[in-house]
Amino acid sequence: MVDITHKISTLRKATATAIVKVSKQETIDAVTHNLVPKGNVLEMAKTAGLFAVKNTHLSIPDCHPIPIEFTSVEYEIKGLEIHIIFTVKTVYKTGVEVEAMHGASIVALTMYDMLKPIDKEIEISTIKLIQKEGGKSSFKNRFPNTIKAAVFVCSDSIFAGDKEDRSGKIIVEKLSSYGVEVSHYEIIPDELDSIQDRTKAFAKEHQLVIFTGGTGLSPRDVTPEALSPILESRIPGIEEAIRDYGQQRMPYAMLSRSVAGTLGKSLVLALPGSTNGARESMDAVFPHVMHVFDVLKGKNHDSL
């Protein structure tokens, strides 16, 4: 089973279809007028589909048991074809595409079972996904130009060569996977002036300026103190999302002082310096956070 512990819960929706084709108009008439000996075909098939979608994980090995929070079954009769439209919604970490297709399949099979005594030439076809929403593909950045990022590692020990950087490299790797161009990567000491100077300089030409390290509680952890006075707007929602995500995985995450805000047209982030902290912080807010670039450019203000 695929590991989804790094994902966040979002509203997920999927719609699938299946087609049941009968061989004669009399079969369609029996369905629409509720004259099938086994009972009401449309209602029985719908009920079977509702049961099936909730138990998809029991039939498909790699499907996760997930909360099914909405299901609808609709029918369209076109000539000798009954089109099944099956929609599923949930708020969870993974999508419901297979659940929707599984539900549509069971609706079609139930129809076949109920109609076979009166029609020996029934066909089931075109079981397919027709729409999905809510995963990463729904939150891809739509900023028309390439986003440029600068990544800074704030650490006295790494700057001195006593330790190797890992968190900064993870951030660079994550950004690259989202199509962000990392044009600058640098290790700097935990110095307030250095952090402020880098922020002011690189925010002019970069849409993203990310610091990792210096967000803890030791006397040398000054990244939040350096950024707070120069940021034009703090974005508490990003900070809360990072801490909430981390808290669900590591209780010590509540001690982190992650920072998010804007300077000009640039988004500035201060993330934890630990390897897991940096990775989890990126997973918590990317790629969704890149919507900010549309907002900063003056688009979609009414969507917030």
Protein backbone atom coordinates (compact mmCIF):
# COMPACT_ATOMS: atom_id res chain seq x y z
CA MET A 1 0.00 0.00 0.00
CA VAL A 2 1.37 3.42 -0.98
CA ASP A 3 2.53 5.65 1.88
CA ILE A 4 0.24 8.70 2.13
CA THR A 5 1.29 9.87 5.59
CA HIS A 6 3.08 12.89 4.07
CA LYS A 7 -0.05 14.14 2.31
CA ILE A 8 -2.57 16.64 3.60
CA SER A 9 -6.34 16.23 3.62
CA THR A 10 -8.24 18.17 0.99
CA LEU A 11 -11.69 17.92 -0.54
CA ARG A 12 -11.47 15.12 -3.09
CA LYS A 13 -14.07 14.41 -5.76
CA ALA A 14 -14.29 11.89 -8.57
CA THR A 15 -16.96 11.02 -11.11
CA ALA A 16 -16.99 7.79 -13.09
CA THR A 17 -19.29 6.31 -15.65
CA ALA A 18 -20.36 2.90 -16.90
CA ILE A 19 -22.75 1.89 -19.65
CA VAL A 20 -25.21 -0.99 -19.61
CA LYS A 21 -26.44 -1.80 -23.10
CA VAL A 22 -29.52 -3.98 -23.54
CA SER A 23 -30.67 -5.68 -26.74
CA LYS A 24 -34.29 -4.57 -26.99
CA GLN A 25 -36.64 -1.72 -26.16
CA GLU A 26 -38.78 -4.04 -24.03
CA THR A 27 -35.93 -4.26 -21.50
CA ILE A 28 -35.70 -0.48 -21.23
CA ASP A 29 -39.48 -0.29 -20.81
CA ALA A 30 -39.38 -2.89 -18.03
CA VAL A 31 -36.69 -0.88 -16.22
CA THR A 32 -38.42 2.49 -16.54
CA HIS A 33 -41.87 1.13 -15.59
CA ASN A 34 -40.56 -1.05 -12.74
CA LEU A 35 -41.72 -4.32 -14.33
CA VAL A 36 -38.54 -6.40 -13.86
CA PRO A 37 -39.34 -9.58 -11.87
CA LYS A 38 -36.36 -9.15 -9.54
CA GLY A 39 -37.48 -5.70 -8.44
CA ASN A 40 -36.74 -2.03 -9.02
CA VAL A 41 -33.55 -2.17 -11.05
CA LEU A 42 -32.48 1.45 -10.71
CA GLU A 43 -32.95 1.59 -6.93
CA MET A 44 -31.47 -1.84 -6.25
CA ALA A 45 -28.41 -1.09 -8.39
CA LYS A 46 -27.96 2.27 -6.68
CA THR A 47 -28.08 0.62 -3.26
CA ALA A 48 -25.51 -1.95 -4.34
CA GLY A 49 -23.25 0.84 -5.55
CA LEU A 50 -23.52 2.70 -2.24
CA PHE A 51 -22.48 -0.42 -0.34
CA ALA A 52 -19.67 -1.14 -2.80
CA VAL A 53 -18.02 2.27 -2.74
CA LYS A 54 -17.61 2.14 1.04
CA ASN A 55 -15.85 -1.21 0.78
CA THR A 56 -13.56 -0.61 -2.16
CA HIS A 57 -10.48 -1.23 0.00
CA LEU A 58 -11.73 -4.75 0.69
CA SER A 59 -11.67 -5.56 -3.04
CA ILE A 60 -8.71 -3.56 -4.37
CA PRO A 61 -5.53 -4.36 -2.36
CA ASP A 62 -3.77 -0.99 -2.69
CA CYS A 63 -6.83 1.15 -1.93
CA HIS A 64 -6.86 2.80 1.48
CA PRO A 65 -9.88 2.60 3.78
CA ILE A 66 -11.18 6.15 3.58
CA PRO A 67 -14.23 8.04 4.86
CA ILE A 68 -16.79 8.28 2.08
CA GLU A 69 -18.67 11.49 2.84
CA PHE A 70 -20.88 11.82 -0.24
CA THR A 71 -22.06 9.51 -3.00
CA SER A 72 -24.55 10.08 -5.78
CA VAL A 73 -25.80 7.80 -8.54
CA GLU A 74 -27.52 9.22 -11.60
CA TYR A 75 -28.87 7.55 -14.72
CA GLU A 76 -29.30 8.67 -18.31
CA ILE A 77 -31.18 6.43 -20.73
CA LYS A 78 -30.08 6.89 -24.33
CA GLY A 79 -31.79 4.49 -26.71
CA LEU A 80 -30.85 1.00 -25.57
CA GLU A 81 -28.11 2.25 -23.24
CA ILE A 82 -28.32 3.07 -19.54
CA HIS A 83 -25.54 5.47 -18.62
CA ILE A 84 -24.47 5.38 -14.97
CA ILE A 85 -22.89 8.52 -13.50
CA PHE A 86 -21.29 7.79 -10.12
CA THR A 87 -19.85 10.61 -7.98
CA VAL A 88 -17.88 10.29 -4.74
CA LYS A 89 -16.56 12.98 -2.36
CA THR A 90 -14.36 12.88 0.72
CA VAL A 91 -12.04 15.10 2.72
CA TYR A 92 -8.93 12.99 2.97
CA LYS A 93 -5.31 12.50 1.91
CA THR A 94 -5.94 10.42 -1.19
CA GLY A 95 -8.33 10.54 -4.10
CA VAL A 96 -11.52 8.59 -4.75
CA GLU A 97 -11.12 7.74 -8.43
CA VAL A 98 -11.03 3.97 -7.91
CA GLU A 99 -13.94 4.20 -5.47
CA ALA A 100 -16.04 5.98 -8.09
CA MET A 101 -15.16 3.44 -10.79
CA HIS A 102 -15.75 0.56 -8.40
CA GLY A 103 -19.18 1.96 -7.51
CA ALA A 104 -20.12 2.43 -11.17
CA SER A 105 -18.97 -1.11 -11.95
CA ILE A 106 -21.09 -2.66 -9.20
CA VAL A 107 -24.13 -0.66 -10.27
CA ALA A 108 -23.66 -2.01 -13.80
CA LEU A 109 -23.15 -5.60 -12.60
CA THR A 110 -26.25 -5.40 -10.40
CA MET A 111 -28.26 -4.25 -13.40
CA TYR A 112 -26.88 -7.14 -15.44
CA ASP A 113 -27.83 -9.62 -12.73
CA MET A 114 -31.36 -8.28 -12.43
CA LEU A 115 -31.97 -8.01 -16.16
CA LYS A 116 -30.45 -11.27 -17.40
CA PRO A 117 -33.69 -13.26 -16.91
CA ILE A 118 -35.43 -11.03 -19.47
CA ASP A 119 -32.51 -10.13 -21.76
CA LYS A 120 -29.71 -12.55 -22.62
CA GLU A 121 -27.59 -10.09 -24.62
CA ILE A 122 -26.72 -7.38 -22.13
CA GLU A 123 -23.32 -5.72 -22.39
CA ILE A 124 -21.35 -3.64 -19.88
CA SER A 125 -18.89 -1.17 -21.36
CA THR A 126 -16.98 2.11 -20.97
CA ILE A 127 -16.19 2.01 -17.29
CA LYS A 128 -14.01 5.09 -16.95
CA LEU A 129 -13.13 8.11 -14.88
CA ILE A 130 -14.57 11.31 -16.32
CA GLN A 131 -13.54 13.86 -13.67
CA LYS A 132 -11.34 14.18 -10.58
CA GLU A 133 -10.59 17.12 -8.31
CA GLY A 134 -8.70 17.87 -5.12
CA GLY A 135 -5.27 16.31 -5.53
CA LYS A 136 -2.00 18.04 -6.37
CA SER A 137 -3.08 18.48 -9.98
CA SER A 138 -5.89 20.75 -8.79
CA PHE A 139 -3.47 23.03 -6.95
CA LYS A 140 -0.69 23.37 -9.50
CA ASN A 141 0.79 26.80 -9.78
CA ARG A 142 -0.71 28.71 -12.70
CA PHE A 143 1.71 31.60 -12.56
CA PRO A 144 2.62 32.15 -16.24
CA ASN A 145 6.35 32.68 -15.73
CA THR A 146 9.01 30.48 -14.17
CA ILE A 147 9.19 31.02 -10.43
CA LYS A 148 12.70 31.73 -9.18
CA ALA A 149 13.71 30.83 -5.64
CA ALA A 150 16.64 31.50 -3.36
CA VAL A 151 17.35 29.05 -0.56
CA PHE A 152 19.45 29.92 2.50
CA VAL A 153 20.65 27.57 5.22
CA CYS A 154 21.08 29.42 8.53
CA SER A 155 23.54 27.48 10.67
CA ASP A 156 26.76 28.42 12.43
CA SER A 157 27.98 24.81 12.50
CA ILE A 158 27.25 24.10 8.82
CA PHE A 159 28.76 27.45 7.80
CA ALA A 160 31.92 26.50 9.74
CA GLY A 161 32.08 23.14 7.97
CA ASP A 162 31.43 21.07 11.09
CA LYS A 163 28.19 19.59 9.74
CA GLU A 164 26.72 18.80 6.35
CA ASP A 165 23.58 20.53 5.11
CA ARG A 166 20.62 18.28 4.48
CA SER A 167 17.55 20.42 5.03
CA GLY A 168 18.52 23.00 2.40
CA LYS A 169 19.13 20.29 -0.18
CA ILE A 170 15.73 18.77 0.58
CA ILE A 171 14.06 22.14 0.01
CA VAL A 172 15.90 22.59 -3.29
CA GLU A 173 14.84 19.10 -4.39
CA LYS A 174 11.21 19.71 -3.41
CA LEU A 175 11.10 23.05 -5.21
CA SER A 176 12.54 21.52 -8.37
CA SER A 177 9.83 18.85 -8.32
CA TYR A 178 7.22 21.64 -8.43
CA GLY A 179 8.85 23.35 -11.39
CA VAL A 180 10.47 26.12 -9.35
CA GLU A 181 13.89 27.30 -10.52
CA VAL A 182 16.33 27.50 -7.60
CA SER A 183 18.83 30.06 -8.85
CA HIS A 184 20.63 30.61 -5.55
CA TYR A 185 21.60 28.31 -2.68
CA GLU A 186 23.80 29.52 0.14
CA ILE A 187 24.86 28.60 3.66
CA ILE A 188 25.08 31.55 6.03
CA PRO A 189 25.75 31.94 9.78
CA ASP A 190 23.01 32.68 12.31
CA GLU A 191 23.47 36.43 12.08
CA LEU A 192 20.51 38.79 12.10
CA ASP A 193 22.10 41.29 9.71
CA SER A 194 23.07 38.59 7.21
CA ILE A 195 19.53 37.22 7.12
CA GLN A 196 17.99 40.66 6.64
CA ASP A 197 20.48 41.66 3.96
CA ARG A 198 19.88 38.47 1.98
CA THR A 199 16.12 38.84 2.24
CA LYS A 200 16.08 42.43 1.00
CA ALA A 201 18.49 41.73 -1.83
CA PHE A 202 17.00 38.51 -3.16
CA ALA A 203 13.33 39.45 -2.77
CA LYS A 204 13.83 41.96 -5.58
CA GLU A 205 14.52 39.28 -8.23
CA HIS A 206 13.03 36.11 -6.70
CA GLN A 207 9.43 35.17 -6.06
CA LEU A 208 10.48 32.80 -3.29
CA VAL A 209 13.06 33.34 -0.56
CA ILE A 210 13.31 30.40 1.83
CA PHE A 211 15.41 30.11 4.98
CA THR A 212 15.91 26.85 6.83
CA GLY A 213 17.28 26.88 10.35
CA GLY A 214 17.32 29.37 13.18
CA THR A 215 13.64 28.93 14.08
CA GLY A 216 14.23 27.15 17.40
CA LEU A 217 14.69 28.55 20.90
CA SER A 218 18.45 28.70 21.36
CA PRO A 219 20.12 32.12 21.77
CA ARG A 220 21.55 31.88 18.24
CA ASP A 221 18.18 31.09 16.62
CA VAL A 222 17.38 34.55 15.27
CA THR A 223 15.73 33.95 11.91
CA PRO A 224 12.23 34.98 13.08
CA GLU A 225 13.65 38.09 14.79
CA ALA A 226 15.48 39.01 11.60
CA LEU A 227 12.50 38.59 9.29
CA SER A 228 9.61 39.93 11.36
CA PRO A 229 10.62 43.65 11.17
CA ILE A 230 11.15 43.66 7.40
CA LEU A 231 8.18 41.62 6.19
CA GLU A 232 5.34 43.74 4.84
CA SER A 233 2.58 41.21 5.54
CA ARG A 234 2.69 38.13 7.75
CA ILE A 235 0.64 35.14 6.56
CA PRO A 236 -0.45 33.33 9.75
CA GLY A 237 -2.33 30.66 7.81
CA ILE A 238 0.89 29.31 6.29
CA GLU A 239 2.62 29.32 9.66
CA GLU A 240 -0.32 27.53 11.28
CA ALA A 241 -0.48 24.94 8.48
CA ILE A 242 3.22 24.13 8.90
CA ARG A 243 2.98 23.74 12.67
CA ASP A 244 -0.26 21.76 12.54
CA TYR A 245 1.16 19.36 9.96
CA GLY A 246 4.32 18.89 11.99
CA GLN A 247 2.44 18.51 15.27
CA GLN A 248 0.52 15.56 13.84
CA ARG A 249 3.82 13.80 13.20
CA MET A 250 6.15 15.02 15.96
CA PRO A 251 5.05 16.65 19.26
CA TYR A 252 8.15 18.84 19.34
CA ALA A 253 6.92 20.69 16.24
CA MET A 254 4.99 23.02 18.55
CA LEU A 255 8.34 24.55 19.55
CA SER A 256 9.20 25.66 16.03
CA ARG A 257 8.85 29.35 15.13
CA SER A 258 8.26 29.09 11.40
CA VAL A 259 7.60 32.39 9.67
CA ALA A 260 5.75 33.27 6.46
CA GLY A 261 5.19 36.66 4.92
CA THR A 262 5.65 38.89 1.91
CA LEU A 263 8.22 41.44 0.89
CA GLY A 264 7.24 43.18 -2.32
CA LYS A 265 6.18 40.49 -4.78
CA SER A 266 8.16 37.82 -2.98
CA LEU A 267 7.01 35.14 -0.55
CA VAL A 268 9.47 34.70 2.33
CA LEU A 269 9.48 31.52 4.42
CA ALA A 270 11.52 30.54 7.46
CA LEU A 271 11.38 26.78 8.00
CA PRO A 272 12.89 24.47 10.64
CA GLY A 273 16.50 23.43 10.24
CA SER A 274 16.03 19.74 10.97
CA THR A 275 15.87 17.38 8.02
CA ASN A 276 12.40 16.09 8.85
CA GLY A 277 11.19 19.54 9.83
CA ALA A 278 12.19 21.02 6.47
CA ARG A 279 10.71 18.11 4.52
CA GLU A 280 7.43 18.13 6.43
CA SER A 281 7.10 21.91 6.20
CA MET A 282 7.40 21.72 2.42
CA ASP A 283 4.88 18.88 2.25
CA ALA A 284 2.50 20.89 4.44
CA VAL A 285 2.13 23.88 2.14
CA PHE A 286 3.40 23.00 -1.35
CA PRO A 287 2.21 23.15 -4.07
CA HIS A 288 -0.92 24.90 -2.72
CA VAL A 289 1.02 27.88 -1.38
CA MET A 290 2.08 28.85 -4.90
CA HIS A 291 -1.38 30.32 -5.43
CA VAL A 292 0.07 33.32 -3.59
CA PHE A 293 1.91 34.37 -6.74
CA ASP A 294 -1.36 34.90 -8.59
CA VAL A 295 -2.61 36.92 -5.63
CA LEU A 296 0.54 39.03 -5.40
CA LYS A 297 0.26 39.78 -9.09
CA GLY A 298 -3.24 41.10 -8.55
CA LYS A 299 -5.25 38.07 -9.61
CA ASN A 300 -7.99 36.17 -7.78
CA HIS A 301 -8.23 38.49 -4.78
CA ASP A 302 -11.84 37.48 -4.29
CA SER A 303 -10.84 33.81 -3.93
CA LEU A 304 -9.29 34.38 -0.51
